[in-house]
Amino acid sequence: VINGLQAMEGGGILTIDSTRNTAEGTVCVTVADSGPGISPEHLEKLFTPFFSTKPGGTGLGLAVSYGIVSDHGGRIRVASQEGQGANFSVILPLKQGAKEG
């Protein structure tokens, strides 16, 4: 969410959506922004530790997030085209036996 907001320096639209896929046993949270998008060269490196395009950025935020999601049996999917914003989806397995509500 913070990365999306920072990508839209001049303002824009940030949306957060969640869906449950009972057939796959997953839940998906998607954060989409209307920022400048991510270049193909940068897409390849997004989850690499210490890679950052931000001045003063540590390059650890997405790398750590990827590790946490992976440790929980999930995955992160990224879709972006330059000039058309970016979509980050976190897909996690539903925990069996968890209480609803």
PDB file of N, CA and C in Angstrom:
ATOM      1  N   VAL A   1       0.833  -1.180   0.000  1.00  0.00           N
ATOM      2  CA  VAL A   1       0.000   0.000   0.000  1.00  0.00           C
ATOM      3  C   VAL A   1       0.883   1.252   0.000  1.00  0.00           C
ATOM      4  N   ILE A   2       1.886   1.263   0.853  1.00  0.00           N
ATOM      5  CA  ILE A   2       2.768   2.433   0.932  1.00  0.00           C
ATOM      6  C   ILE A   2       3.510   2.624  -0.389  1.00  0.00           C
ATOM      7  N   ASN A   3       4.018   1.533  -0.970  1.00  0.00           N
ATOM      8  CA  ASN A   3       4.712   1.650  -2.259  1.00  0.00           C
ATOM      9  C   ASN A   3       3.787   2.220  -3.321  1.00  0.00           C
ATOM     10  N   GLY A   4       2.546   1.773  -3.352  1.00  0.00           N
ATOM     11  CA  GLY A   4       1.580   2.278  -4.329  1.00  0.00           C
ATOM     12  C   GLY A   4       1.315   3.755  -4.152  1.00  0.00           C
ATOM     13  N   LEU A   5       1.142   4.178  -2.906  1.00  0.00           N
ATOM     14  CA  LEU A   5       0.908   5.602  -2.640  1.00  0.00           C
ATOM     15  C   LEU A   5       2.122   6.434  -3.039  1.00  0.00           C
ATOM     16  N   GLN A   6       3.315   5.937  -2.728  1.00  0.00           N
ATOM     17  CA  GLN A   6       4.529   6.668  -3.080  1.00  0.00           C
ATOM     18  C   GLN A   6       4.734   6.730  -4.590  1.00  0.00           C
ATOM     19  N   ALA A   7       4.252   5.733  -5.310  1.00  0.00           N
ATOM     20  CA  ALA A   7       4.403   5.719  -6.769  1.00  0.00           C
ATOM     21  C   ALA A   7       3.531   6.770  -7.439  1.00  0.00           C
ATOM     22  N   MET A   8       2.488   7.216  -6.741  1.00  0.00           N
ATOM     23  CA  MET A   8       1.550   8.189  -7.321  1.00  0.00           C
ATOM     24  C   MET A   8       1.806   9.567  -6.721  1.00  0.00           C
ATOM     25  N   GLU A   9       2.977  10.112  -6.955  1.00  0.00           N
ATOM     26  CA  GLU A   9       3.377  11.389  -6.367  1.00  0.00           C
ATOM     27  C   GLU A   9       2.385  12.503  -6.642  1.00  0.00           C
ATOM     28  N   GLY A  10       1.847  12.558  -7.835  1.00  0.00           N
ATOM     29  CA  GLY A  10       0.912  13.616  -8.202  1.00  0.00           C
ATOM     30  C   GLY A  10      -0.539  13.267  -7.924  1.00  0.00           C
ATOM     31  N   GLY A  11      -0.772  12.210  -7.179  1.00  0.00           N
ATOM     32  CA  GLY A  11      -2.129  11.751  -6.904  1.00  0.00           C
ATOM     33  C   GLY A  11      -2.497  10.605  -7.823  1.00  0.00           C
ATOM     34  N   GLY A  12      -3.612  10.010  -7.562  1.00  0.00           N
ATOM     35  CA  GLY A  12      -4.067   8.882  -8.367  1.00  0.00           C
ATOM     36  C   GLY A  12      -5.078   8.060  -7.603  1.00  0.00           C
ATOM     37  N   ILE A  13      -5.303   6.859  -8.071  1.00  0.00           N
ATOM     38  CA  ILE A  13      -6.284   5.972  -7.458  1.00  0.00           C
ATOM     39  C   ILE A  13      -5.571   4.723  -6.954  1.00  0.00           C
ATOM     40  N   LEU A  14      -5.815   4.381  -5.691  1.00  0.00           N
ATOM     41  CA  LEU A  14      -5.303   3.162  -5.096  1.00  0.00           C
ATOM     42  C   LEU A  14      -6.507   2.338  -4.660  1.00  0.00           C
ATOM     43  N   THR A  15      -6.566   1.091  -5.095  1.00  0.00           N
ATOM     44  CA  THR A  15      -7.674   0.223  -4.696  1.00  0.00           C
ATOM     45  C   THR A  15      -7.127  -1.020  -4.010  1.00  0.00           C
ATOM     46  N   ILE A  16      -7.889  -1.500  -3.042  1.00  0.00           N
ATOM     47  CA  ILE A  16      -7.571  -2.735  -2.339  1.00  0.00           C
ATOM     48  C   ILE A  16      -8.793  -3.629  -2.455  1.00  0.00           C
ATOM     49  N   ASP A  17      -8.570  -4.854  -2.908  1.00  0.00           N
ATOM     50  CA  ASP A  17      -9.668  -5.786  -3.134  1.00  0.00           C
ATOM     51  C   ASP A  17      -9.284  -7.136  -2.542  1.00  0.00           C
ATOM     52  N   SER A  18     -10.261  -7.845  -2.038  1.00  0.00           N
ATOM     53  CA  SER A  18      -9.992  -9.197  -1.552  1.00  0.00           C
ATOM     54  C   SER A  18     -11.032 -10.152  -2.104  1.00  0.00           C
ATOM     55  N   THR A  19     -10.582 -11.357  -2.422  1.00  0.00           N
ATOM     56  CA  THR A  19     -11.478 -12.395  -2.920  1.00  0.00           C
ATOM     57  C   THR A  19     -11.102 -13.722  -2.275  1.00  0.00           C
ATOM     58  N   ARG A  20     -12.101 -14.556  -2.149  1.00  0.00           N
ATOM     59  CA  ARG A  20     -11.888 -15.896  -1.605  1.00  0.00           C
ATOM     60  C   ARG A  20     -12.189 -16.894  -2.709  1.00  0.00           C
ATOM     61  N   ASN A  21     -11.256 -17.791  -2.950  1.00  0.00           N
ATOM     62  CA  ASN A  21     -11.437 -18.829  -3.957  1.00  0.00           C
ATOM     63  C   ASN A  21     -11.583 -20.159  -3.222  1.00  0.00           C
ATOM     64  N   THR A  22     -12.824 -20.545  -2.983  1.00  0.00           N
ATOM     65  CA  THR A  22     -13.095 -21.766  -2.228  1.00  0.00           C
ATOM     66  C   THR A  22     -12.578 -22.996  -2.960  1.00  0.00           C
ATOM     67  N   ALA A  23     -12.695 -23.013  -4.289  1.00  0.00           N
ATOM     68  CA  ALA A  23     -12.244 -24.165  -5.076  1.00  0.00           C
ATOM     69  C   ALA A  23     -10.744 -24.403  -4.912  1.00  0.00           C
ATOM     70  N   GLU A  24      -9.965 -23.321  -4.885  1.00  0.00           N
ATOM     71  CA  GLU A  24      -8.511 -23.441  -4.724  1.00  0.00           C
ATOM     72  C   GLU A  24      -8.095 -23.420  -3.263  1.00  0.00           C
ATOM     73  N   GLY A  25      -9.011 -23.020  -2.379  1.00  0.00           N
ATOM     74  CA  GLY A  25      -8.677 -22.924  -0.965  1.00  0.00           C
ATOM     75  C   GLY A  25      -7.740 -21.780  -0.660  1.00  0.00           C
ATOM     76  N   THR A  26      -7.947 -20.648  -1.348  1.00  0.00           N
ATOM     77  CA  THR A  26      -7.072 -19.492  -1.155  1.00  0.00           C
ATOM     78  C   THR A  26      -7.876 -18.212  -0.944  1.00  0.00           C
ATOM     79  N   VAL A  27      -7.186 -17.234  -0.411  1.00  0.00           N
ATOM     80  CA  VAL A  27      -7.704 -15.875  -0.343  1.00  0.00           C
ATOM     81  C   VAL A  27      -6.675 -14.987  -1.038  1.00  0.00           C
ATOM     82  N   CYS A  28      -7.168 -13.984  -1.758  1.00  0.00           N
ATOM     83  CA  CYS A  28      -6.282 -13.106  -2.520  1.00  0.00           C
ATOM     84  C   CYS A  28      -6.588 -11.655  -2.156  1.00  0.00           C
ATOM     85  N   VAL A  29      -5.552 -10.917  -1.804  1.00  0.00           N
ATOM     86  CA  VAL A  29      -5.670  -9.480  -1.554  1.00  0.00           C
ATOM     87  C   VAL A  29      -4.855  -8.778  -2.631  1.00  0.00           C
ATOM     88  N   THR A  30      -5.513  -7.885  -3.377  1.00  0.00           N
ATOM     89  CA  THR A  30      -4.852  -7.174  -4.467  1.00  0.00           C
ATOM     90  C   THR A  30      -4.815  -5.683  -4.172  1.00  0.00           C
ATOM     91  N   VAL A  31      -3.644  -5.093  -4.333  1.00  0.00           N
ATOM     92  CA  VAL A  31      -3.460  -3.648  -4.215  1.00  0.00           C
ATOM     93  C   VAL A  31      -3.088  -3.152  -5.607  1.00  0.00           C
ATOM     94  N   ALA A  32      -3.894  -2.234  -6.138  1.00  0.00           N
ATOM     95  CA  ALA A  32      -3.662  -1.698  -7.481  1.00  0.00           C
ATOM     96  C   ALA A  32      -3.514  -0.187  -7.405  1.00  0.00           C
ATOM     97  N   ASP A  33      -2.565   0.352  -8.151  1.00  0.00           N
ATOM     98  CA  ASP A  33      -2.396   1.801  -8.193  1.00  0.00           C
ATOM     99  C   ASP A  33      -2.417   2.279  -9.636  1.00  0.00           C
ATOM    100  N   SER A  34      -2.656   3.572  -9.792  1.00  0.00           N
ATOM    101  CA  SER A  34      -2.677   4.179 -11.127  1.00  0.00           C
ATOM    102  C   SER A  34      -1.403   4.980 -11.379  1.00  0.00           C
ATOM    103  N   GLY A  35      -0.317   4.553 -10.751  1.00  0.00           N
ATOM    104  CA  GLY A  35       0.963   5.234 -10.904  1.00  0.00           C
ATOM    105  C   GLY A  35       1.611   4.958 -12.250  1.00  0.00           C
ATOM    106  N   PRO A  36       2.906   5.225 -12.348  1.00  0.00           N
ATOM    107  CA  PRO A  36       3.605   5.121 -13.630  1.00  0.00           C
ATOM    108  C   PRO A  36       3.897   3.695 -14.082  1.00  0.00           C
ATOM    109  N   GLY A  37       3.625   2.718 -13.256  1.00  0.00           N
ATOM    110  CA  GLY A  37       3.924   1.336 -13.621  1.00  0.00           C
ATOM    111  C   GLY A  37       5.378   0.988 -13.357  1.00  0.00           C
ATOM    112  N   ILE A  38       5.722  -0.249 -13.669  1.00  0.00           N
ATOM    113  CA  ILE A  38       7.062  -0.764 -13.400  1.00  0.00           C
ATOM    114  C   ILE A  38       7.661  -1.261 -14.714  1.00  0.00           C
ATOM    115  N   SER A  39       8.882  -0.854 -14.985  1.00  0.00           N
ATOM    116  CA  SER A  39       9.536  -1.278 -16.230  1.00  0.00           C
ATOM    117  C   SER A  39       9.814  -2.782 -16.191  1.00  0.00           C
ATOM    118  N   PRO A  40       9.870  -3.416 -17.358  1.00  0.00           N
ATOM    119  CA  PRO A  40      10.172  -4.853 -17.399  1.00  0.00           C
ATOM    120  C   PRO A  40      11.503  -5.202 -16.720  1.00  0.00           C
ATOM    121  N   GLU A  41      12.504  -4.342 -16.855  1.00  0.00           N
ATOM    122  CA  GLU A  41      13.801  -4.598 -16.221  1.00  0.00           C
ATOM    123  C   GLU A  41      13.672  -4.625 -14.704  1.00  0.00           C
ATOM    124  N   HIS A  42      12.858  -3.734 -14.162  1.00  0.00           N
ATOM    125  CA  HIS A  42      12.677  -3.666 -12.715  1.00  0.00           C
ATOM    126  C   HIS A  42      11.777  -4.781 -12.207  1.00  0.00           C
ATOM    127  N   LEU A  43      10.812  -5.209 -13.017  1.00  0.00           N
ATOM    128  CA  LEU A  43       9.929  -6.308 -12.608  1.00  0.00           C
ATOM    129  C   LEU A  43      10.738  -7.554 -12.255  1.00  0.00           C
ATOM    130  N   GLU A  44      11.779  -7.816 -13.028  1.00  0.00           N
ATOM    131  CA  GLU A  44      12.617  -8.998 -12.800  1.00  0.00           C
ATOM    132  C   GLU A  44      13.340  -8.955 -11.460  1.00  0.00           C
ATOM    133  N   LYS A  45      13.571  -7.758 -10.928  1.00  0.00           N
ATOM    134  CA  LYS A  45      14.395  -7.598  -9.730  1.00  0.00           C
ATOM    135  C   LYS A  45      13.598  -7.220  -8.480  1.00  0.00           C
ATOM    136  N   LEU A  46      12.291  -7.078  -8.584  1.00  0.00           N
ATOM    137  CA  LEU A  46      11.489  -6.526  -7.493  1.00  0.00           C
ATOM    138  C   LEU A  46      11.714  -7.178  -6.139  1.00  0.00           C
ATOM    139  N   PHE A  47      11.857  -8.486  -6.107  1.00  0.00           N
ATOM    140  CA  PHE A  47      11.954  -9.195  -4.836  1.00  0.00           C
ATOM    141  C   PHE A  47      13.394  -9.531  -4.455  1.00  0.00           C
ATOM    142  N   THR A  48      14.350  -8.970  -5.187  1.00  0.00           N
ATOM    143  CA  THR A  48      15.764  -9.175  -4.893  1.00  0.00           C
ATOM    144  C   THR A  48      16.166  -8.278  -3.721  1.00  0.00           C
ATOM    145  N   PRO A  49      16.755  -8.866  -2.663  1.00  0.00           N
ATOM    146  CA  PRO A  49      17.174  -8.034  -1.530  1.00  0.00           C
ATOM    147  C   PRO A  49      18.109  -6.907  -1.971  1.00  0.00           C
ATOM    148  N   PHE A  50      17.871  -5.746  -1.419  1.00  0.00           N
ATOM    149  CA  PHE A  50      18.655  -4.526  -1.618  1.00  0.00           C
ATOM    150  C   PHE A  50      18.451  -3.867  -2.976  1.00  0.00           C
ATOM    151  N   PHE A  51      17.498  -4.351  -3.782  1.00  0.00           N
ATOM    152  CA  PHE A  51      17.166  -3.662  -5.031  1.00  0.00           C
ATOM    153  C   PHE A  51      16.095  -2.622  -4.732  1.00  0.00           C
ATOM    154  N   SER A  52      16.367  -1.379  -5.095  1.00  0.00           N
ATOM    155  CA  SER A  52      15.406  -0.300  -4.889  1.00  0.00           C
ATOM    156  C   SER A  52      15.559   0.743  -5.987  1.00  0.00           C
ATOM    157  N   THR A  53      14.447   1.339  -6.363  1.00  0.00           N
ATOM    158  CA  THR A  53      14.484   2.455  -7.303  1.00  0.00           C
ATOM    159  C   THR A  53      14.257   3.773  -6.575  1.00  0.00           C
ATOM    160  N   LYS A  54      14.036   3.698  -5.266  1.00  0.00           N
ATOM    161  CA  LYS A  54      13.775   4.901  -4.472  1.00  0.00           C
ATOM    162  C   LYS A  54      15.076   5.455  -3.907  1.00  0.00           C
ATOM    163  N   PRO A  55      15.260   6.763  -3.981  1.00  0.00           N
ATOM    164  CA  PRO A  55      16.433   7.353  -3.335  1.00  0.00           C
ATOM    165  C   PRO A  55      16.385   7.059  -1.832  1.00  0.00           C
ATOM    166  N   GLY A  56      17.438   6.483  -1.312  1.00  0.00           N
ATOM    167  CA  GLY A  56      17.488   6.170   0.111  1.00  0.00           C
ATOM    168  C   GLY A  56      16.732   4.908   0.489  1.00  0.00           C
ATOM    169  N   GLY A  57      16.178   4.201  -0.486  1.00  0.00           N
ATOM    170  CA  GLY A  57      15.445   2.966  -0.193  1.00  0.00           C
ATOM    171  C   GLY A  57      16.397   1.838   0.172  1.00  0.00           C
ATOM    172  N   THR A  58      15.962   0.968   1.081  1.00  0.00           N
ATOM    173  CA  THR A  58      16.814  -0.153   1.487  1.00  0.00           C
ATOM    174  C   THR A  58      16.689  -1.343   0.550  1.00  0.00           C
ATOM    175  N   GLY A  59      15.583  -1.439  -0.164  1.00  0.00           N
ATOM    176  CA  GLY A  59      15.370  -2.583  -1.036  1.00  0.00           C
ATOM    177  C   GLY A  59      15.024  -3.849  -0.278  1.00  0.00           C
ATOM    178  N   LEU A  60      14.534  -3.696   0.947  1.00  0.00           N
ATOM    179  CA  LEU A  60      14.203  -4.875   1.745  1.00  0.00           C
ATOM    180  C   LEU A  60      12.706  -5.118   1.893  1.00  0.00           C
ATOM    181  N   GLY A  61      11.887  -4.112   1.677  1.00  0.00           N
ATOM    182  CA  GLY A  61      10.449  -4.242   1.912  1.00  0.00           C
ATOM    183  C   GLY A  61       9.800  -5.374   1.141  1.00  0.00           C
ATOM    184  N   LEU A  62       9.949  -5.395  -0.166  1.00  0.00           N
ATOM    185  CA  LEU A  62       9.327  -6.443  -0.974  1.00  0.00           C
ATOM    186  C   LEU A  62      10.026  -7.786  -0.782  1.00  0.00           C
ATOM    187  N   ALA A  63      11.335  -7.775  -0.571  1.00  0.00           N
ATOM    188  CA  ALA A  63      12.060  -9.028  -0.345  1.00  0.00           C
ATOM    189  C   ALA A  63      11.584  -9.699   0.941  1.00  0.00           C
ATOM    190  N   VAL A  64      11.438  -8.924   1.998  1.00  0.00           N
ATOM    191  CA  VAL A  64      10.957  -9.464   3.273  1.00  0.00           C
ATOM    192  C   VAL A  64       9.507  -9.915   3.143  1.00  0.00           C
ATOM    193  N   SER A  65       8.684  -9.114   2.487  1.00  0.00           N
ATOM    194  CA  SER A  65       7.278  -9.481   2.280  1.00  0.00           C
ATOM    195  C   SER A  65       7.167 -10.798   1.523  1.00  0.00           C
ATOM    196  N   TYR A  66       7.977 -10.954   0.493  1.00  0.00           N
ATOM    197  CA  TYR A  66       7.973 -12.190  -0.297  1.00  0.00           C
ATOM    198  C   TYR A  66       8.313 -13.395   0.582  1.00  0.00           C
ATOM    199  N   GLY A  67       9.312 -13.228   1.427  1.00  0.00           N
ATOM    200  CA  GLY A  67       9.714 -14.315   2.320  1.00  0.00           C
ATOM    201  C   GLY A  67       8.619 -14.690   3.302  1.00  0.00           C
ATOM    202  N   ILE A  68       7.963 -13.698   3.877  1.00  0.00           N
ATOM    203  CA  ILE A  68       6.887 -13.957   4.839  1.00  0.00           C
ATOM    204  C   ILE A  68       5.728 -14.679   4.167  1.00  0.00           C
ATOM    205  N   VAL A  69       5.315 -14.185   3.010  1.00  0.00           N
ATOM    206  CA  VAL A  69       4.202 -14.805   2.285  1.00  0.00           C
ATOM    207  C   VAL A  69       4.571 -16.237   1.897  1.00  0.00           C
ATOM    208  N   SER A  70       5.779 -16.451   1.415  1.00  0.00           N
ATOM    209  CA  SER A  70       6.232 -17.800   1.043  1.00  0.00           C
ATOM    210  C   SER A  70       6.238 -18.735   2.246  1.00  0.00           C
ATOM    211  N   ASP A  71       6.697 -18.231   3.389  1.00  0.00           N
ATOM    212  CA  ASP A  71       6.733 -19.040   4.611  1.00  0.00           C
ATOM    213  C   ASP A  71       5.343 -19.511   5.032  1.00  0.00           C
ATOM    214  N   HIS A  72       4.329 -18.785   4.618  1.00  0.00           N
ATOM    215  CA  HIS A  72       2.947 -19.149   4.951  1.00  0.00           C
ATOM    216  C   HIS A  72       2.262 -19.906   3.813  1.00  0.00           C
ATOM    217  N   GLY A  73       3.047 -20.387   2.861  1.00  0.00           N
ATOM    218  CA  GLY A  73       2.505 -21.186   1.767  1.00  0.00           C
ATOM    219  C   GLY A  73       1.840 -20.376   0.671  1.00  0.00           C
ATOM    220  N   GLY A  74       2.127 -19.082   0.633  1.00  0.00           N
ATOM    221  CA  GLY A  74       1.499 -18.211  -0.356  1.00  0.00           C
ATOM    222  C   GLY A  74       2.449 -17.759  -1.440  1.00  0.00           C
ATOM    223  N   ARG A  75       1.946 -16.857  -2.249  1.00  0.00           N
ATOM    224  CA  ARG A  75       2.759 -16.303  -3.335  1.00  0.00           C
ATOM    225  C   ARG A  75       2.329 -14.858  -3.596  1.00  0.00           C
ATOM    226  N   ILE A  76       3.193 -14.112  -4.226  1.00  0.00           N
ATOM    227  CA  ILE A  76       2.888 -12.739  -4.626  1.00  0.00           C
ATOM    228  C   ILE A  76       2.960 -12.684  -6.145  1.00  0.00           C
ATOM    229  N   ARG A  77       1.909 -12.141  -6.733  1.00  0.00           N
ATOM    230  CA  ARG A  77       1.841 -12.001  -8.194  1.00  0.00           C
ATOM    231  C   ARG A  77       1.849 -10.505  -8.514  1.00  0.00           C
ATOM    232  N   VAL A  78       2.632 -10.115  -9.517  1.00  0.00           N
ATOM    233  CA  VAL A  78       2.735  -8.710  -9.916  1.00  0.00           C
ATOM    234  C   VAL A  78       2.374  -8.581 -11.389  1.00  0.00           C
ATOM    235  N   ALA A  79       1.537  -7.600 -11.687  1.00  0.00           N
ATOM    236  CA  ALA A  79       1.211  -7.273 -13.075  1.00  0.00           C
ATOM    237  C   ALA A  79       1.379  -5.769 -13.236  1.00  0.00           C
ATOM    238  N   SER A  80       2.120  -5.364 -14.256  1.00  0.00           N
ATOM    239  CA  SER A  80       2.341  -3.939 -14.473  1.00  0.00           C
ATOM    240  C   SER A  80       2.778  -3.682 -15.904  1.00  0.00           C
ATOM    241  N   GLN A  81       2.362  -2.534 -16.397  1.00  0.00           N
ATOM    242  CA  GLN A  81       2.862  -2.024 -17.666  1.00  0.00           C
ATOM    243  C   GLN A  81       3.220  -0.566 -17.433  1.00  0.00           C
ATOM    244  N   GLU A  82       4.332  -0.154 -18.014  1.00  0.00           N
ATOM    245  CA  GLU A  82       4.743   1.235 -17.843  1.00  0.00           C
ATOM    246  C   GLU A  82       3.626   2.162 -18.291  1.00  0.00           C
ATOM    247  N   GLY A  83       3.353   3.160 -17.471  1.00  0.00           N
ATOM    248  CA  GLY A  83       2.324   4.144 -17.771  1.00  0.00           C
ATOM    249  C   GLY A  83       0.915   3.711 -17.411  1.00  0.00           C
ATOM    250  N   GLN A  84       0.759   2.479 -16.882  1.00  0.00           N
ATOM    251  CA  GLN A  84      -0.584   1.985 -16.584  1.00  0.00           C
ATOM    252  C   GLN A  84      -0.737   1.453 -15.166  1.00  0.00           C
ATOM    253  N   GLY A  85       0.131   1.826 -14.260  1.00  0.00           N
ATOM    254  CA  GLY A  85      -0.007   1.402 -12.875  1.00  0.00           C
ATOM    255  C   GLY A  85       0.517   0.001 -12.630  1.00  0.00           C
ATOM    256  N   ALA A  86       0.288  -0.474 -11.403  1.00  0.00           N
ATOM    257  CA  ALA A  86       0.765  -1.791 -10.998  1.00  0.00           C
ATOM    258  C   ALA A  86      -0.277  -2.473 -10.122  1.00  0.00           C
ATOM    259  N   ASN A  87      -0.314  -3.803 -10.198  1.00  0.00           N
ATOM    260  CA  ASN A  87      -1.184  -4.626  -9.357  1.00  0.00           C
ATOM    261  C   ASN A  87      -0.320  -5.639  -8.622  1.00  0.00           C
ATOM    262  N   PHE A  88      -0.421  -5.659  -7.317  1.00  0.00           N
ATOM    263  CA  PHE A  88       0.262  -6.655  -6.497  1.00  0.00           C
ATOM    264  C   PHE A  88      -0.803  -7.496  -5.821  1.00  0.00           C
ATOM    265  N   SER A  89      -0.739  -8.806  -6.023  1.00  0.00           N
ATOM    266  CA  SER A  89      -1.702  -9.721  -5.410  1.00  0.00           C
ATOM    267  C   SER A  89      -0.970 -10.669  -4.472  1.00  0.00           C
ATOM    268  N   VAL A  90      -1.461 -10.754  -3.242  1.00  0.00           N
ATOM    269  CA  VAL A  90      -0.944 -11.703  -2.261  1.00  0.00           C
ATOM    270  C   VAL A  90      -1.966 -12.825  -2.163  1.00  0.00           C
ATOM    271  N   ILE A  91      -1.548 -14.032  -2.489  1.00  0.00           N
ATOM    272  CA  ILE A  91      -2.435 -15.189  -2.468  1.00  0.00           C
ATOM    273  C   ILE A  91      -1.966 -16.109  -1.348  1.00  0.00           C
ATOM    274  N   LEU A  92      -2.872 -16.375  -0.416  1.00  0.00           N
ATOM    275  CA  LEU A  92      -2.550 -17.213   0.734  1.00  0.00           C
ATOM    276  C   LEU A  92      -3.534 -18.365   0.841  1.00  0.00           C
ATOM    277  N   PRO A  93      -3.066 -19.516   1.331  1.00  0.00           N
ATOM    278  CA  PRO A  93      -3.994 -20.625   1.534  1.00  0.00           C
ATOM    279  C   PRO A  93      -4.914 -20.326   2.714  1.00  0.00           C
ATOM    280  N   LEU A  94      -6.163 -20.779   2.588  1.00  0.00           N
ATOM    281  CA  LEU A  94      -7.092 -20.671   3.705  1.00  0.00           C
ATOM    282  C   LEU A  94      -6.690 -21.703   4.752  1.00  0.00           C
ATOM    283  N   LYS A  95      -6.697 -21.297   5.986  1.00  0.00           N
ATOM    284  CA  LYS A  95      -6.323 -22.218   7.054  1.00  0.00           C
ATOM    285  C   LYS A  95      -7.506 -23.121   7.367  1.00  0.00           C
ATOM    286  N   GLN A  96      -7.275 -24.402   7.333  1.00  0.00           N
ATOM    287  CA  GLN A  96      -8.326 -25.355   7.641  1.00  0.00           C
ATOM    288  C   GLN A  96      -8.687 -25.277   9.120  1.00  0.00           C
ATOM    289  N   GLY A  97      -9.977 -25.294   9.402  1.00  0.00           N
ATOM    290  CA  GLY A  97     -10.442 -25.291  10.780  1.00  0.00           C
ATOM    291  C   GLY A  97     -10.510 -23.923  11.418  1.00  0.00           C
ATOM    292  N   ALA A  98     -10.192 -22.877  10.676  1.00  0.00           N
ATOM    293  CA  ALA A  98     -10.256 -21.525  11.234  1.00  0.00           C
ATOM    294  C   ALA A  98     -11.710 -21.108  11.383  1.00  0.00           C
ATOM    295  N   LYS A  99     -11.982 -20.360  12.423  1.00  0.00           N
ATOM    296  CA  LYS A  99     -13.336 -19.874  12.652  1.00  0.00           C
ATOM    297  C   LYS A  99     -13.624 -18.695  11.750  1.00  0.00           C
ATOM    298  N   GLU A 100     -14.826 -18.647  11.223  1.00  0.00           N
ATOM    299  CA  GLU A 100     -15.231 -17.512  10.391  1.00  0.00           C
ATOM    300  C   GLU A 100     -15.718 -16.395  11.299  1.00  0.00           C
ATOM    301  N   GLY A 101     -15.573 -15.155  10.792  1.00  0.00           N
ATOM    302  CA  GLY A 101     -16.137 -14.034  11.531  1.00  0.00           C
ATOM    303  C   GLY A 101     -15.164 -13.133  12.042  1.00  0.00           C
TER     304      GLY A 101
END
